[in-house]
Amino acid sequence: MKLLDTIFHLLAGSPVRPCVTDLNARLLNAWVLHQSIEYLHPQCTWQLGEGHILQGAYKGNDFYQWYTQQLDARYATWTEAIESVISSEIGGIIVGEYQFQKEIDGLWQTAPFTHFYRIENEQITSVRMYMGAISSHLDAGNQLIEIASIQYFLSAN
C-alpha cells in the first residue's frame, strides 16, 4: 500500500489520504443540504450531550427525523444556521447555531452547536451533538443584539 501511495503521490502530486477527507466533506455537505437516511448507516448511533432537550444515547437511521419532529413541536420556527463544515479522514465536524423565535414575546433565541460525525464506507456511523447556552436577541439577522446588555444599559440611565 505504501508503494501505491508513493506512486499516486508522484503522479497526482498529493497523498491518497486527502481523497478520503474530500469524500467525507462531500458527504457532510450533502447531509447538510438533504438530511436523508441514505447517508446514515442503519445502526447509526446518536449521542446528544448537554444542552439538548433530549439528552442521551439513541440508535438507528430514523432518529434524526424523530429528533427534528421533537424540535418542531417545541420550537415551531427553529432553523439550523451552518457556519463551518470541517472534514477529516475519520469523519467531520459541523459548527453552527440553532435559531428559533419564542411565541410568548417574539424574541429570537439562539444556541451554538457542534456536531461530530464518524464516517465509514461513505455512511455516517455515529454522531455526537452538543449545544451551548440559549441566548435571546431582538431579531434573527446577523447583527444580533443581546437582550441582557440592553437591559443593563437601560437600567444604568
Protein backbone atom coordinates (compact mmCIF):
# COMPACT_ATOMS: atom_id res chain seq x y z
CA MET A 1 0.00 0.00 0.00
CA LYS A 2 2.85 2.35 0.82
CA LEU A 3 4.26 1.77 -2.67
CA LEU A 4 0.88 2.60 -4.24
CA ASP A 5 0.62 5.69 -2.07
CA THR A 6 4.08 6.80 -3.20
CA ILE A 7 3.28 6.17 -6.89
CA PHE A 8 -0.03 8.03 -6.60
CA HIS A 9 1.75 10.88 -4.83
CA LEU A 10 4.28 11.13 -7.64
CA LEU A 11 1.58 11.08 -10.32
CA ALA A 12 -1.03 13.27 -8.69
CA GLY A 13 1.15 15.45 -6.52
CA SER A 14 -0.85 14.74 -3.36
CA PRO A 15 -1.16 11.83 -0.91
CA VAL A 16 -4.08 9.38 -1.05
CA ARG A 17 -5.45 10.40 2.37
CA PRO A 18 -6.85 13.80 1.29
CA CYS A 19 -9.13 11.89 -1.11
CA VAL A 20 -10.87 10.35 1.92
CA THR A 21 -11.12 13.78 3.52
CA ASP A 22 -12.67 15.16 0.32
CA LEU A 23 -15.19 12.29 0.17
CA ASN A 24 -16.14 12.94 3.78
CA ALA A 25 -16.53 16.66 3.05
CA ARG A 26 -18.86 15.88 0.14
CA LEU A 27 -20.91 13.50 2.29
CA LEU A 28 -21.26 16.06 5.09
CA ASN A 29 -22.21 18.83 2.66
CA ALA A 30 -24.83 16.54 1.10
CA TRP A 31 -26.11 15.70 4.60
CA VAL A 32 -26.42 19.42 5.46
CA LEU A 33 -28.46 20.02 2.30
CA HIS A 34 -30.74 16.98 2.35
CA GLN A 35 -30.50 15.09 5.69
CA SER A 36 -31.65 11.89 4.00
CA ILE A 37 -31.33 8.47 5.64
CA GLU A 38 -29.34 7.31 2.61
CA TYR A 39 -26.29 8.99 4.20
CA LEU A 40 -26.77 7.15 7.52
CA HIS A 41 -25.73 3.65 8.49
CA PRO A 42 -28.80 1.64 9.61
CA GLN A 43 -27.26 1.28 13.09
CA CYS A 44 -26.03 4.87 13.35
CA THR A 45 -25.53 5.90 16.98
CA TRP A 46 -26.52 9.33 18.23
CA GLN A 47 -25.14 10.87 21.42
CA LEU A 48 -26.92 14.07 22.49
CA GLY A 49 -24.87 15.94 25.05
CA GLU A 50 -25.59 18.67 27.50
CA GLY A 51 -27.90 21.44 26.31
CA HIS A 52 -30.15 19.30 24.14
CA ILE A 53 -33.76 18.77 25.19
CA LEU A 54 -33.45 15.02 24.60
CA GLN A 55 -30.05 14.23 26.15
CA GLY A 56 -28.94 10.63 25.89
CA ALA A 57 -27.90 7.88 23.51
CA TYR A 58 -30.02 6.73 20.57
CA LYS A 59 -29.58 4.25 17.73
CA GLY A 60 -30.93 3.97 14.21
CA ASN A 61 -31.01 5.87 10.95
CA ASP A 62 -34.54 7.15 11.66
CA PHE A 63 -33.52 9.01 14.83
CA TYR A 64 -32.72 12.34 13.18
CA GLN A 65 -36.18 12.62 11.62
CA TRP A 66 -37.77 11.88 15.02
CA TYR A 67 -35.43 14.37 16.70
CA THR A 68 -36.31 17.19 14.29
CA GLN A 69 -40.02 16.45 14.82
CA GLN A 70 -39.46 16.92 18.56
CA LEU A 71 -37.74 20.25 17.90
CA ASP A 72 -40.62 21.28 15.59
CA ALA A 73 -43.11 20.52 18.36
CA ARG A 74 -41.18 22.54 20.93
CA TYR A 75 -39.79 25.37 18.77
CA ALA A 76 -42.09 25.93 15.78
CA THR A 77 -39.78 28.34 13.95
CA TRP A 78 -36.41 26.69 14.56
CA THR A 79 -33.68 26.66 11.93
CA GLU A 80 -30.11 25.45 11.77
CA ALA A 81 -27.57 28.04 10.57
CA ILE A 82 -24.40 26.22 9.50
CA GLU A 83 -21.17 28.17 9.97
CA SER A 84 -18.50 25.57 9.16
CA VAL A 85 -18.13 22.05 7.80
CA ILE A 86 -14.73 20.58 8.65
CA SER A 87 -13.81 17.17 7.28
CA SER A 88 -11.10 14.72 8.29
CA GLU A 89 -10.02 11.17 7.49
CA ILE A 90 -12.42 9.69 10.06
CA GLY A 91 -15.42 11.99 9.67
CA GLY A 92 -16.02 15.63 10.30
CA ILE A 93 -17.38 18.45 12.41
CA ILE A 94 -20.29 20.77 11.70
CA VAL A 95 -20.44 24.01 13.67
CA GLY A 96 -23.37 26.38 13.66
CA GLU A 97 -26.24 27.89 15.55
CA TYR A 98 -29.82 26.88 16.25
CA GLN A 99 -32.20 29.84 15.83
CA PHE A 100 -35.82 29.97 16.96
CA GLN A 101 -38.44 32.51 17.96
CA LYS A 102 -40.39 32.37 21.22
CA GLU A 103 -44.13 32.59 20.70
CA ILE A 104 -44.72 34.38 24.01
CA ASP A 105 -42.62 37.52 23.48
CA GLY A 106 -41.47 37.17 19.86
CA LEU A 107 -37.80 37.38 20.80
CA TRP A 108 -35.33 35.33 18.79
CA GLN A 109 -33.22 32.86 20.66
CA THR A 110 -30.01 31.23 19.52
CA ALA A 111 -27.80 28.44 20.77
CA PRO A 112 -24.44 27.45 19.29
CA PHE A 113 -23.94 23.80 18.38
CA THR A 114 -21.18 21.44 17.40
CA HIS A 115 -21.83 18.05 15.80
CA PHE A 116 -19.08 15.43 15.47
CA TYR A 117 -19.58 12.84 12.72
CA ARG A 118 -17.85 9.47 12.30
CA ILE A 119 -17.93 8.23 8.69
CA GLU A 120 -17.12 4.71 7.49
CA ASN A 121 -17.67 3.29 4.00
CA GLU A 122 -19.35 6.50 2.84
CA GLN A 123 -22.02 6.39 5.57
CA ILE A 124 -22.38 8.31 8.82
CA THR A 125 -21.96 5.71 11.58
CA SER A 126 -22.09 7.88 14.70
CA VAL A 127 -22.92 11.45 15.66
CA ARG A 128 -22.21 13.39 18.86
CA MET A 129 -24.27 16.55 19.18
CA TYR A 130 -23.55 19.33 21.67
CA MET A 131 -25.50 22.55 22.21
CA GLY A 132 -24.42 25.67 24.06
CA ALA A 133 -26.45 28.02 26.23
CA ILE A 134 -29.54 29.66 24.76
CA SER A 135 -29.45 33.45 24.49
CA SER A 136 -32.17 35.94 23.49
CA HIS A 137 -31.92 38.58 20.77
CA LEU A 138 -34.09 41.25 19.17
CA ASP A 139 -34.02 39.84 15.63
CA ALA A 140 -32.83 36.89 13.56
CA GLY A 141 -30.34 38.88 11.50
CA ASN A 142 -26.58 38.61 11.53
CA GLN A 143 -26.28 41.64 13.81
CA LEU A 144 -27.95 40.15 16.86
CA ILE A 145 -28.17 42.32 19.95
CA GLU A 146 -28.04 40.69 23.35
CA ILE A 147 -31.15 41.47 25.41
CA ALA A 148 -29.16 41.21 28.65
CA SER A 149 -26.82 44.01 27.56
CA ILE A 150 -29.75 46.24 26.56
CA GLN A 151 -31.46 45.72 29.91
CA TYR A 152 -28.22 46.56 31.69
CA PHE A 153 -27.74 49.65 29.53
CA LEU A 154 -31.31 50.85 30.14
CA SER A 155 -31.07 50.27 33.87
CA ALA A 156 -27.98 52.50 34.01
CA ASN A 157 -29.99 55.56 32.85
